[in-house]
PDB file of N, CA and C in Angstrom:
ATOM      1  N   MET A   1     -17.323  37.589 -19.695  1.00  0.00           N
ATOM      2  CA  MET A   1     -16.703  37.430 -20.983  1.00  0.00           C
ATOM      3  C   MET A   1     -17.775  37.436 -22.076  1.00  0.00           C
ATOM      4  N   ASN A   2     -18.860  36.750 -21.800  1.00  0.00           N
ATOM      5  CA  ASN A   2     -19.938  36.721 -22.781  1.00  0.00           C
ATOM      6  C   ASN A   2     -20.481  38.125 -23.018  1.00  0.00           C
ATOM      7  N   TYR A   3     -20.541  38.924 -21.965  1.00  0.00           N
ATOM      8  CA  TYR A   3     -21.019  40.301 -22.091  1.00  0.00           C
ATOM      9  C   TYR A   3     -20.139  41.098 -23.042  1.00  0.00           C
ATOM     10  N   ILE A   4     -18.826  40.937 -22.919  1.00  0.00           N
ATOM     11  CA  ILE A   4     -17.892  41.657 -23.784  1.00  0.00           C
ATOM     12  C   ILE A   4     -18.073  41.231 -25.239  1.00  0.00           C
ATOM     13  N   ILE A   5     -18.181  39.929 -25.441  1.00  0.00           N
ATOM     14  CA  ILE A   5     -18.355  39.427 -26.807  1.00  0.00           C
ATOM     15  C   ILE A   5     -19.667  39.938 -27.399  1.00  0.00           C
ATOM     16  N   ALA A   6     -20.739  39.908 -26.599  1.00  0.00           N
ATOM     17  CA  ALA A   6     -22.046  40.340 -27.098  1.00  0.00           C
ATOM     18  C   ALA A   6     -22.103  41.849 -27.307  1.00  0.00           C
ATOM     19  N   SER A   7     -21.413  42.619 -26.473  1.00  0.00           N
ATOM     20  CA  SER A   7     -21.492  44.079 -26.552  1.00  0.00           C
ATOM     21  C   SER A   7     -20.642  44.670 -27.665  1.00  0.00           C
ATOM     22  N   TYR A   8     -19.452  44.155 -27.838  1.00  0.00           N
ATOM     23  CA  TYR A   8     -18.505  44.794 -28.750  1.00  0.00           C
ATOM     24  C   TYR A   8     -18.348  44.087 -30.094  1.00  0.00           C
ATOM     25  N   GLY A   9     -18.872  42.919 -30.209  1.00  0.00           N
ATOM     26  CA  GLY A   9     -18.774  42.224 -31.484  1.00  0.00           C
ATOM     27  C   GLY A   9     -19.940  42.586 -32.376  1.00  0.00           C
ATOM     28  N   PRO A  10     -19.818  42.350 -33.664  1.00  0.00           N
ATOM     29  CA  PRO A  10     -20.954  42.613 -34.557  1.00  0.00           C
ATOM     30  C   PRO A  10     -22.109  41.665 -34.230  1.00  0.00           C
ATOM     31  N   ARG A  11     -23.291  42.032 -34.638  1.00  0.00           N
ATOM     32  CA  ARG A  11     -24.482  41.227 -34.337  1.00  0.00           C
ATOM     33  C   ARG A  11     -24.367  39.802 -34.882  1.00  0.00           C
ATOM     34  N   SER A  12     -23.670  39.625 -35.974  1.00  0.00           N
ATOM     35  CA  SER A  12     -23.526  38.282 -36.534  1.00  0.00           C
ATOM     36  C   SER A  12     -22.714  37.378 -35.605  1.00  0.00           C
ATOM     37  N   TRP A  13     -21.886  37.987 -34.751  1.00  0.00           N
ATOM     38  CA  TRP A  13     -21.097  37.188 -33.802  1.00  0.00           C
ATOM     39  C   TRP A  13     -21.981  36.474 -32.796  1.00  0.00           C
ATOM     40  N   ASP A  14     -23.073  37.119 -32.423  1.00  0.00           N
ATOM     41  CA  ASP A  14     -23.929  36.552 -31.386  1.00  0.00           C
ATOM     42  C   ASP A  14     -24.332  35.120 -31.712  1.00  0.00           C
ATOM     43  N   VAL A  15     -24.673  34.894 -32.948  1.00  0.00           N
ATOM     44  CA  VAL A  15     -25.142  33.573 -33.343  1.00  0.00           C
ATOM     45  C   VAL A  15     -24.026  32.730 -33.939  1.00  0.00           C
ATOM     46  N   ASN A  16     -23.268  33.318 -34.824  1.00  0.00           N
ATOM     47  CA  ASN A  16     -22.310  32.544 -35.596  1.00  0.00           C
ATOM     48  C   ASN A  16     -21.000  32.269 -34.879  1.00  0.00           C
ATOM     49  N   ALA A  17     -20.435  33.242 -34.198  1.00  0.00           N
ATOM     50  CA  ALA A  17     -19.087  33.067 -33.654  1.00  0.00           C
ATOM     51  C   ALA A  17     -18.999  33.253 -32.144  1.00  0.00           C
ATOM     52  N   GLY A  18     -19.998  33.838 -31.531  1.00  0.00           N
ATOM     53  CA  GLY A  18     -19.921  34.124 -30.098  1.00  0.00           C
ATOM     54  C   GLY A  18     -19.696  32.889 -29.249  1.00  0.00           C
ATOM     55  N   TRP A  19     -20.420  31.835 -29.547  1.00  0.00           N
ATOM     56  CA  TRP A  19     -20.271  30.616 -28.754  1.00  0.00           C
ATOM     57  C   TRP A  19     -18.897  29.989 -28.952  1.00  0.00           C
ATOM     58  N   ARG A  20     -18.329  30.166 -30.135  1.00  0.00           N
ATOM     59  CA  ARG A  20     -16.996  29.608 -30.390  1.00  0.00           C
ATOM     60  C   ARG A  20     -15.938  30.308 -29.545  1.00  0.00           C
ATOM     61  N   TRP A  21     -16.060  31.648 -29.414  1.00  0.00           N
ATOM     62  CA  TRP A  21     -15.108  32.382 -28.575  1.00  0.00           C
ATOM     63  C   TRP A  21     -15.237  31.966 -27.113  1.00  0.00           C
ATOM     64  N   MET A  22     -16.463  31.775 -26.651  1.00  0.00           N
ATOM     65  CA  MET A  22     -16.664  31.341 -25.266  1.00  0.00           C
ATOM     66  C   MET A  22     -16.043  29.961 -25.042  1.00  0.00           C
ATOM     67  N   LEU A  23     -16.215  29.082 -25.994  1.00  0.00           N
ATOM     68  CA  LEU A  23     -15.637  27.753 -25.872  1.00  0.00           C
ATOM     69  C   LEU A  23     -14.118  27.812 -25.859  1.00  0.00           C
ATOM     70  N   ARG A  24     -13.538  28.606 -26.737  1.00  0.00           N
ATOM     71  CA  ARG A  24     -12.077  28.735 -26.792  1.00  0.00           C
ATOM     72  C   ARG A  24     -11.518  29.337 -25.509  1.00  0.00           C
ATOM     73  N   LEU A  25     -12.156  30.385 -25.024  1.00  0.00           N
ATOM     74  CA  LEU A  25     -11.664  31.028 -23.808  1.00  0.00           C
ATOM     75  C   LEU A  25     -11.808  30.110 -22.592  1.00  0.00           C
ATOM     76  N   GLY A  26     -12.834  29.292 -22.565  1.00  0.00           N
ATOM     77  CA  GLY A  26     -12.992  28.331 -21.475  1.00  0.00           C
ATOM     78  C   GLY A  26     -11.986  27.203 -21.543  1.00  0.00           C
ATOM     79  N   ALA A  27     -11.476  26.932 -22.728  1.00  0.00           N
ATOM     80  CA  ALA A  27     -10.497  25.855 -22.891  1.00  0.00           C
ATOM     81  C   ALA A  27      -9.119  26.244 -22.377  1.00  0.00           C
ATOM     82  N   ILE A  28      -8.847  27.539 -22.279  1.00  0.00           N
ATOM     83  CA  ILE A  28      -7.517  27.975 -21.818  1.00  0.00           C
ATOM     84  C   ILE A  28      -7.233  27.503 -20.390  1.00  0.00           C
ATOM     85  N   PRO A  29      -8.080  27.806 -19.393  1.00  0.00           N
ATOM     86  CA  PRO A  29      -7.775  27.297 -18.047  1.00  0.00           C
ATOM     87  C   PRO A  29      -7.889  25.774 -17.957  1.00  0.00           C
ATOM     88  N   ALA A  30      -8.772  25.200 -18.763  1.00  0.00           N
ATOM     89  CA  ALA A  30      -8.897  23.743 -18.744  1.00  0.00           C
ATOM     90  C   ALA A  30      -7.618  23.070 -19.231  1.00  0.00           C
ATOM     91  N   ALA A  31      -6.929  23.672 -20.178  1.00  0.00           N
ATOM     92  CA  ALA A  31      -5.664  23.120 -20.672  1.00  0.00           C
ATOM     93  C   ALA A  31      -4.509  23.483 -19.752  1.00  0.00           C
ATOM     94  N   ALA A  32      -4.581  24.639 -19.109  1.00  0.00           N
ATOM     95  CA  ALA A  32      -3.488  25.080 -18.236  1.00  0.00           C
ATOM     96  C   ALA A  32      -3.392  24.232 -16.974  1.00  0.00           C
ATOM     97  N   PHE A  33      -4.509  23.770 -16.455  1.00  0.00           N
ATOM     98  CA  PHE A  33      -4.483  23.006 -15.210  1.00  0.00           C
ATOM     99  C   PHE A  33      -3.682  21.713 -15.321  1.00  0.00           C
ATOM    100  N   PRO A  34      -3.958  20.822 -16.281  1.00  0.00           N
ATOM    101  CA  PRO A  34      -3.150  19.601 -16.361  1.00  0.00           C
ATOM    102  C   PRO A  34      -1.674  19.884 -16.627  1.00  0.00           C
ATOM    103  N   LEU A  35      -1.401  20.933 -17.406  1.00  0.00           N
ATOM    104  CA  LEU A  35      -0.005  21.274 -17.673  1.00  0.00           C
ATOM    105  C   LEU A  35       0.699  21.743 -16.404  1.00  0.00           C
ATOM    106  N   SER A  36      -0.002  22.471 -15.557  1.00  0.00           N
ATOM    107  CA  SER A  36       0.611  22.927 -14.310  1.00  0.00           C
ATOM    108  C   SER A  36       0.783  21.780 -13.320  1.00  0.00           C
ATOM    109  N   MET A  37      -0.036  20.760 -13.402  1.00  0.00           N
ATOM    110  CA  MET A  37       0.061  19.634 -12.472  1.00  0.00           C
ATOM    111  C   MET A  37       1.281  18.766 -12.752  1.00  0.00           C
ATOM    112  N   VAL A  38       1.842  18.867 -13.932  1.00  0.00           N
ATOM    113  CA  VAL A  38       3.038  18.095 -14.263  1.00  0.00           C
ATOM    114  C   VAL A  38       4.188  18.490 -13.344  1.00  0.00           C
ATOM    115  N   ARG A  39       4.283  19.777 -13.034  1.00  0.00           N
ATOM    116  CA  ARG A  39       5.375  20.271 -12.195  1.00  0.00           C
ATOM    117  C   ARG A  39       5.053  20.250 -10.705  1.00  0.00           C
ATOM    118  N   ALA A  40       3.820  20.011 -10.335  1.00  0.00           N
ATOM    119  CA  ALA A  40       3.430  20.031  -8.925  1.00  0.00           C
ATOM    120  C   ALA A  40       3.952  18.779  -8.219  1.00  0.00           C
ATOM    121  N   PRO A  41       4.481  18.931  -7.015  1.00  0.00           N
ATOM    122  CA  PRO A  41       4.956  17.752  -6.282  1.00  0.00           C
ATOM    123  C   PRO A  41       3.780  16.953  -5.732  1.00  0.00           C
ATOM    124  N   GLU A  42       4.032  15.691  -5.440  1.00  0.00           N
ATOM    125  CA  GLU A  42       3.017  14.878  -4.780  1.00  0.00           C
ATOM    126  C   GLU A  42       2.768  15.451  -3.392  1.00  0.00           C
ATOM    127  N   SER A  43       1.613  15.150  -2.829  1.00  0.00           N
ATOM    128  CA  SER A  43       1.324  15.670  -1.497  1.00  0.00           C
ATOM    129  C   SER A  43       2.219  14.965  -0.481  1.00  0.00           C
ATOM    130  N   PRO A  44       2.608  15.671   0.579  1.00  0.00           N
ATOM    131  CA  PRO A  44       3.447  15.047   1.603  1.00  0.00           C
ATOM    132  C   PRO A  44       2.788  13.813   2.215  1.00  0.00           C
ATOM    133  N   ARG A  45       1.486  13.870   2.409  1.00  0.00           N
ATOM    134  CA  ARG A  45       0.779  12.726   2.993  1.00  0.00           C
ATOM    135  C   ARG A  45       0.890  11.500   2.087  1.00  0.00           C
ATOM    136  N   PHE A  46       0.702  11.694   0.797  1.00  0.00           N
ATOM    137  CA  PHE A  46       0.813  10.575  -0.132  1.00  0.00           C
ATOM    138  C   PHE A  46       2.217   9.987  -0.108  1.00  0.00           C
ATOM    139  N   LEU A  47       3.217  10.857  -0.118  1.00  0.00           N
ATOM    140  CA  LEU A  47       4.597  10.377  -0.126  1.00  0.00           C
ATOM    141  C   LEU A  47       4.917   9.596   1.143  1.00  0.00           C
ATOM    142  N   ILE A  48       4.497  10.106   2.286  1.00  0.00           N
ATOM    143  CA  ILE A  48       4.765   9.409   3.550  1.00  0.00           C
ATOM    144  C   ILE A  48       4.005   8.094   3.590  1.00  0.00           C
ATOM    145  N   GLN A  49       2.781   8.086   3.124  1.00  0.00           N
ATOM    146  CA  GLN A  49       1.984   6.859   3.100  1.00  0.00           C
ATOM    147  C   GLN A  49       2.604   5.817   2.172  1.00  0.00           C
ATOM    148  N   ALA A  50       3.268   6.264   1.111  1.00  0.00           N
ATOM    149  CA  ALA A  50       3.911   5.356   0.162  1.00  0.00           C
ATOM    150  C   ALA A  50       5.293   4.922   0.629  1.00  0.00           C
ATOM    151  N   GLY A  51       5.701   5.369   1.824  1.00  0.00           N
ATOM    152  CA  GLY A  51       7.001   4.975   2.356  1.00  0.00           C
ATOM    153  C   GLY A  51       8.140   5.886   1.942  1.00  0.00           C
ATOM    154  N   LYS A  52       7.837   6.998   1.315  1.00  0.00           N
ATOM    155  CA  LYS A  52       8.864   7.946   0.878  1.00  0.00           C
ATOM    156  C   LYS A  52       8.905   9.118   1.866  1.00  0.00           C
ATOM    157  N   THR A  53       9.278   8.804   3.101  1.00  0.00           N
ATOM    158  CA  THR A  53       9.235   9.788   4.176  1.00  0.00           C
ATOM    159  C   THR A  53      10.153  10.967   3.913  1.00  0.00           C
ATOM    160  N   GLU A  54      11.345  10.708   3.407  1.00  0.00           N
ATOM    161  CA  GLU A  54      12.290  11.801   3.168  1.00  0.00           C
ATOM    162  C   GLU A  54      11.766  12.785   2.123  1.00  0.00           C
ATOM    163  N   GLU A  55      11.157  12.256   1.073  1.00  0.00           N
ATOM    164  CA  GLU A  55      10.603  13.141   0.048  1.00  0.00           C
ATOM    165  C   GLU A  55       9.437  13.954   0.603  1.00  0.00           C
ATOM    166  N   GLY A  56       8.587  13.296   1.389  1.00  0.00           N
ATOM    167  CA  GLY A  56       7.467  13.999   2.015  1.00  0.00           C
ATOM    168  C   GLY A  56       7.942  15.087   2.954  1.00  0.00           C
ATOM    169  N   PHE A  57       8.988  14.773   3.724  1.00  0.00           N
ATOM    170  CA  PHE A  57       9.559  15.768   4.632  1.00  0.00           C
ATOM    171  C   PHE A  57      10.140  16.941   3.849  1.00  0.00           C
ATOM    172  N   ALA A  58      10.797  16.655   2.737  1.00  0.00           N
ATOM    173  CA  ALA A  58      11.394  17.723   1.921  1.00  0.00           C
ATOM    174  C   ALA A  58      10.326  18.669   1.376  1.00  0.00           C
ATOM    175  N   VAL A  59       9.199  18.119   0.946  1.00  0.00           N
ATOM    176  CA  VAL A  59       8.110  18.961   0.445  1.00  0.00           C
ATOM    177  C   VAL A  59       7.562  19.832   1.571  1.00  0.00           C
ATOM    178  N   LEU A  60       7.328  19.216   2.730  1.00  0.00           N
ATOM    179  CA  LEU A  60       6.834  19.984   3.874  1.00  0.00           C
ATOM    180  C   LEU A  60       7.828  21.050   4.306  1.00  0.00           C
ATOM    181  N   GLU A  61       9.092  20.690   4.317  1.00  0.00           N
ATOM    182  CA  GLU A  61      10.130  21.629   4.737  1.00  0.00           C
ATOM    183  C   GLU A  61      10.171  22.844   3.807  1.00  0.00           C
ATOM    184  N   HIS A  62       9.982  22.599   2.544  1.00  0.00           N
ATOM    185  CA  HIS A  62       9.969  23.694   1.568  1.00  0.00           C
ATOM    186  C   HIS A  62       8.794  24.642   1.820  1.00  0.00           C
ATOM    187  N   ILE A  63       7.673  24.088   2.259  1.00  0.00           N
ATOM    188  CA  ILE A  63       6.461  24.885   2.432  1.00  0.00           C
ATOM    189  C   ILE A  63       6.420  25.592   3.784  1.00  0.00           C
ATOM    190  N   ILE A  64       6.712  24.858   4.878  1.00  0.00           N
ATOM    191  CA  ILE A  64       6.467  25.419   6.213  1.00  0.00           C
ATOM    192  C   ILE A  64       7.692  25.521   7.101  1.00  0.00           C
ATOM    193  N   GLY A  65       8.845  25.123   6.637  1.00  0.00           N
ATOM    194  CA  GLY A  65      10.043  25.229   7.466  1.00  0.00           C
ATOM    195  C   GLY A  65      10.376  23.918   8.169  1.00  0.00           C
ATOM    196  N   THR A  66      11.599  23.820   8.671  1.00  0.00           N
ATOM    197  CA  THR A  66      12.114  22.556   9.192  1.00  0.00           C
ATOM    198  C   THR A  66      11.383  22.086  10.444  1.00  0.00           C
ATOM    199  N   GLU A  67      11.262  22.946  11.438  1.00  0.00           N
ATOM    200  CA  GLU A  67      10.669  22.520  12.713  1.00  0.00           C
ATOM    201  C   GLU A  67       9.208  22.127  12.549  1.00  0.00           C
ATOM    202  N   GLN A  68       8.449  22.944  11.848  1.00  0.00           N
ATOM    203  CA  GLN A  68       7.044  22.619  11.606  1.00  0.00           C
ATOM    204  C   GLN A  68       6.909  21.361  10.747  1.00  0.00           C
ATOM    205  N   ALA A  69       7.840  21.160   9.834  1.00  0.00           N
ATOM    206  CA  ALA A  69       7.802  19.970   8.979  1.00  0.00           C
ATOM    207  C   ALA A  69       8.012  18.710   9.805  1.00  0.00           C
ATOM    208  N   ARG A  70       8.903  18.764  10.791  1.00  0.00           N
ATOM    209  CA  ARG A  70       9.111  17.596  11.666  1.00  0.00           C
ATOM    210  C   ARG A  70       7.833  17.257  12.425  1.00  0.00           C
ATOM    211  N   LEU A  71       7.211  18.285  12.999  1.00  0.00           N
ATOM    212  CA  LEU A  71       5.973  18.053  13.748  1.00  0.00           C
ATOM    213  C   LEU A  71       4.876  17.511  12.839  1.00  0.00           C
ATOM    214  N   ARG A  72       4.743  18.095  11.681  1.00  0.00           N
ATOM    215  CA  ARG A  72       3.695  17.668  10.755  1.00  0.00           C
ATOM    216  C   ARG A  72       3.954  16.258  10.230  1.00  0.00           C
ATOM    217  N   THR A  73       5.219  15.921  10.002  1.00  0.00           N
ATOM    218  CA  THR A  73       5.563  14.570   9.551  1.00  0.00           C
ATOM    219  C   THR A  73       5.180  13.544  10.604  1.00  0.00           C
ATOM    220  N   ASP A  74       5.428  13.866  11.866  1.00  0.00           N
ATOM    221  CA  ASP A  74       5.028  12.959  12.947  1.00  0.00           C
ATOM    222  C   ASP A  74       3.514  12.800  12.993  1.00  0.00           C
ATOM    223  N   ASP A  75       2.787  13.898  12.806  1.00  0.00           N
ATOM    224  CA  ASP A  75       1.323  13.826  12.780  1.00  0.00           C
ATOM    225  C   ASP A  75       0.832  12.946  11.633  1.00  0.00           C
ATOM    226  N   ILE A  76       1.447  13.103  10.479  1.00  0.00           N
ATOM    227  CA  ILE A  76       1.040  12.310   9.315  1.00  0.00           C
ATOM    228  C   ILE A  76       1.339  10.834   9.543  1.00  0.00           C
ATOM    229  N   HIS A  77       2.509  10.532  10.123  1.00  0.00           N
ATOM    230  CA  HIS A  77       2.841   9.134  10.431  1.00  0.00           C
ATOM    231  C   HIS A  77       1.795   8.527  11.361  1.00  0.00           C
ATOM    232  N   ALA A  78       1.420   9.254  12.407  1.00  0.00           N
ATOM    233  CA  ALA A  78       0.420   8.753  13.351  1.00  0.00           C
ATOM    234  C   ALA A  78      -0.923   8.545  12.663  1.00  0.00           C
ATOM    235  N   SER A  79      -1.302   9.467  11.807  1.00  0.00           N
ATOM    236  CA  SER A  79      -2.571   9.366  11.097  1.00  0.00           C
ATOM    237  C   SER A  79      -2.589   8.168  10.148  1.00  0.00           C
ATOM    238  N   VAL A  80      -1.498   7.972   9.421  1.00  0.00           N
ATOM    239  CA  VAL A  80      -1.410   6.846   8.484  1.00  0.00           C
ATOM    240  C   VAL A  80      -1.438   5.526   9.243  1.00  0.00           C
ATOM    241  N   LYS A  81      -0.743   5.469  10.363  1.00  0.00           N
ATOM    242  CA  LYS A  81      -0.726   4.247  11.176  1.00  0.00           C
ATOM    243  C   LYS A  81      -2.128   3.934  11.687  1.00  0.00           C
ATOM    244  N   LEU A  82      -2.835   4.945  12.169  1.00  0.00           N
ATOM    245  CA  LEU A  82      -4.194   4.749  12.662  1.00  0.00           C
ATOM    246  C   LEU A  82      -5.121   4.283  11.546  1.00  0.00           C
ATOM    247  N   GLU A  83      -4.984   4.851  10.372  1.00  0.00           N
ATOM    248  CA  GLU A  83      -5.822   4.442   9.242  1.00  0.00           C
ATOM    249  C   GLU A  83      -5.574   2.996   8.841  1.00  0.00           C
ATOM    250  N   THR A  84      -4.317   2.573   8.835  1.00  0.00           N
ATOM    251  CA  THR A  84      -4.032   1.193   8.442  1.00  0.00           C
ATOM    252  C   THR A  84      -4.522   0.214   9.493  1.00  0.00           C
ATOM    253  N   GLU A  85      -4.497   0.614  10.758  1.00  0.00           N
ATOM    254  CA  GLU A  85      -5.007  -0.263  11.807  1.00  0.00           C
ATOM    255  C   GLU A  85      -6.521  -0.392  11.740  1.00  0.00           C
ATOM    256  N   MET A  86      -7.199   0.668  11.342  1.00  0.00           N
ATOM    257  CA  MET A  86      -8.655   0.675  11.349  1.00  0.00           C
ATOM    258  C   MET A  86      -9.264   0.414   9.980  1.00  0.00           C
ATOM    259  N   SER A  87      -8.462   0.087   8.991  1.00  0.00           N
ATOM    260  CA  SER A  87      -9.010  -0.098   7.648  1.00  0.00           C
ATOM    261  C   SER A  87      -9.811  -1.392   7.558  1.00  0.00           C
ATOM    262  N   HIS A  88     -10.822  -1.354   6.722  1.00  0.00           N
ATOM    263  CA  HIS A  88     -11.680  -2.510   6.490  1.00  0.00           C
ATOM    264  C   HIS A  88     -11.772  -2.748   4.993  1.00  0.00           C
ATOM    265  N   GLU A  89     -11.996  -3.962   4.643  1.00  0.00           N
ATOM    266  CA  GLU A  89     -12.166  -4.329   3.243  1.00  0.00           C
ATOM    267  C   GLU A  89     -13.655  -4.428   2.918  1.00  0.00           C
ATOM    268  N   PHE A  90     -13.986  -4.404   1.650  1.00  0.00           N
ATOM    269  CA  PHE A  90     -15.379  -4.486   1.222  1.00  0.00           C
ATOM    270  C   PHE A  90     -16.024  -5.787   1.670  1.00  0.00           C
ATOM    271  N   HIS A  91     -15.278  -6.865   1.617  1.00  0.00           N
ATOM    272  CA  HIS A  91     -15.856  -8.164   1.977  1.00  0.00           C
ATOM    273  C   HIS A  91     -16.175  -8.256   3.466  1.00  0.00           C
ATOM    274  N   ASP A  92     -15.674  -7.320   4.277  1.00  0.00           N
ATOM    275  CA  ASP A  92     -16.016  -7.310   5.701  1.00  0.00           C
ATOM    276  C   ASP A  92     -17.499  -7.027   5.921  1.00  0.00           C
ATOM    277  N   LEU A  93     -18.162  -6.416   4.940  1.00  0.00           N
ATOM    278  CA  LEU A  93     -19.595  -6.159   5.068  1.00  0.00           C
ATOM    279  C   LEU A  93     -20.410  -7.449   5.101  1.00  0.00           C
ATOM    280  N   PHE A  94     -19.858  -8.518   4.601  1.00  0.00           N
ATOM    281  CA  PHE A  94     -20.600  -9.768   4.481  1.00  0.00           C
ATOM    282  C   PHE A  94     -20.269 -10.759   5.585  1.00  0.00           C
ATOM    283  N   ARG A  95     -19.675 -10.276   6.667  1.00  0.00           N
ATOM    284  CA  ARG A  95     -19.413 -11.152   7.815  1.00  0.00           C
ATOM    285  C   ARG A  95     -20.744 -11.586   8.408  1.00  0.00           C
ATOM    286  N   PRO A  96     -20.785 -12.763   9.019  1.00  0.00           N
ATOM    287  CA  PRO A  96     -22.059 -13.270   9.554  1.00  0.00           C
ATOM    288  C   PRO A  96     -22.739 -12.318  10.541  1.00  0.00           C
ATOM    289  N   GLU A  97     -21.976 -11.637  11.380  1.00  0.00           N
ATOM    290  CA  GLU A  97     -22.608 -10.758  12.375  1.00  0.00           C
ATOM    291  C   GLU A  97     -23.193  -9.484  11.756  1.00  0.00           C
ATOM    292  N   LEU A  98     -22.854  -9.185  10.520  1.00  0.00           N
ATOM    293  CA  LEU A  98     -23.394  -7.998   9.860  1.00  0.00           C
ATOM    294  C   LEU A  98     -24.455  -8.322   8.810  1.00  0.00           C
ATOM    295  N   GLN A  99     -24.692  -9.601   8.540  1.00  0.00           N
ATOM    296  CA  GLN A  99     -25.611  -9.966   7.463  1.00  0.00           C
ATOM    297  C   GLN A  99     -27.033  -9.478   7.712  1.00  0.00           C
ATOM    298  N   LYS A 100     -27.508  -9.584   8.954  1.00  0.00           N
ATOM    299  CA  LYS A 100     -28.869  -9.156   9.254  1.00  0.00           C
ATOM    300  C   LYS A 100     -29.017  -7.650   9.001  1.00  0.00           C
ATOM    301  N   ALA A 101     -28.076  -6.860   9.474  1.00  0.00           N
ATOM    302  CA  ALA A 101     -28.132  -5.410   9.271  1.00  0.00           C
ATOM    303  C   ALA A 101     -28.028  -5.065   7.788  1.00  0.00           C
ATOM    304  N   LEU A 102     -27.210  -5.791   7.060  1.00  0.00           N
ATOM    305  CA  LEU A 102     -27.053  -5.542   5.631  1.00  0.00           C
ATOM    306  C   LEU A 102     -28.347  -5.832   4.875  1.00  0.00           C
ATOM    307  N   ILE A 103     -29.004  -6.929   5.210  1.00  0.00           N
ATOM    308  CA  ILE A 103     -30.258  -7.290   4.544  1.00  0.00           C
ATOM    309  C   ILE A 103     -31.347  -6.271   4.866  1.00  0.00           C
ATOM    310  N   ILE A 104     -31.460  -5.887   6.145  1.00  0.00           N
ATOM    311  CA  ILE A 104     -32.483  -4.907   6.533  1.00  0.00           C
ATOM    312  C   ILE A 104     -32.231  -3.571   5.839  1.00  0.00           C
ATOM    313  N   GLY A 105     -30.994  -3.128   5.825  1.00  0.00           N
ATOM    314  CA  GLY A 105     -30.664  -1.869   5.162  1.00  0.00           C
ATOM    315  C   GLY A 105     -30.961  -1.908   3.678  1.00  0.00           C
ATOM    316  N   THR A 106     -30.689  -3.036   3.038  1.00  0.00           N
ATOM    317  CA  THR A 106     -30.960  -3.180   1.610  1.00  0.00           C
ATOM    318  C   THR A 106     -32.461  -3.166   1.336  1.00  0.00           C
ATOM    319  N   LEU A 107     -33.237  -3.839   2.180  1.00  0.00           N
ATOM    320  CA  LEU A 107     -34.687  -3.866   1.989  1.00  0.00           C
ATOM    321  C   LEU A 107     -35.310  -2.496   2.236  1.00  0.00           C
ATOM    322  N   ILE A 108     -34.796  -1.762   3.214  1.00  0.00           N
ATOM    323  CA  ILE A 108     -35.322  -0.421   3.468  1.00  0.00           C
ATOM    324  C   ILE A 108     -35.034   0.486   2.280  1.00  0.00           C
ATOM    325  N   LYS A 109     -33.839   0.378   1.726  1.00  0.00           N
ATOM    326  CA  LYS A 109     -33.442   1.215   0.592  1.00  0.00           C
ATOM    327  C   LYS A 109     -34.278   0.895  -0.648  1.00  0.00           C
ATOM    328  N   ALA A 110     -34.636  -0.373  -0.823  1.00  0.00           N
ATOM    329  CA  ALA A 110     -35.403  -0.772  -2.003  1.00  0.00           C
ATOM    330  C   ALA A 110     -36.824  -0.360  -1.813  1.00  0.00           C
TER     331      ALA A 110
END
């Protein structure tokens, strides 16, 4: 785009207006993206994780068909269940059995 502006515009454009055209043209996709996201559905994984299984299934069904959506929904349920079982909180780093490793790691990093 810069090549077109520099080649076909008058020489005064190079300094005075060329950068403005580049900025304006770059703003078009930057503005289009948030506007397009308004109509985009939530991801099926997010919906299932939030307890909205039917909505998540409907999105998947629209994309990949009914049978594949059932299989994928089951996979997502299993994945979400595994994540909740294995999740840890930040304060778990400060448990007594991890304090020595935490201190050594901090000293090495410093």
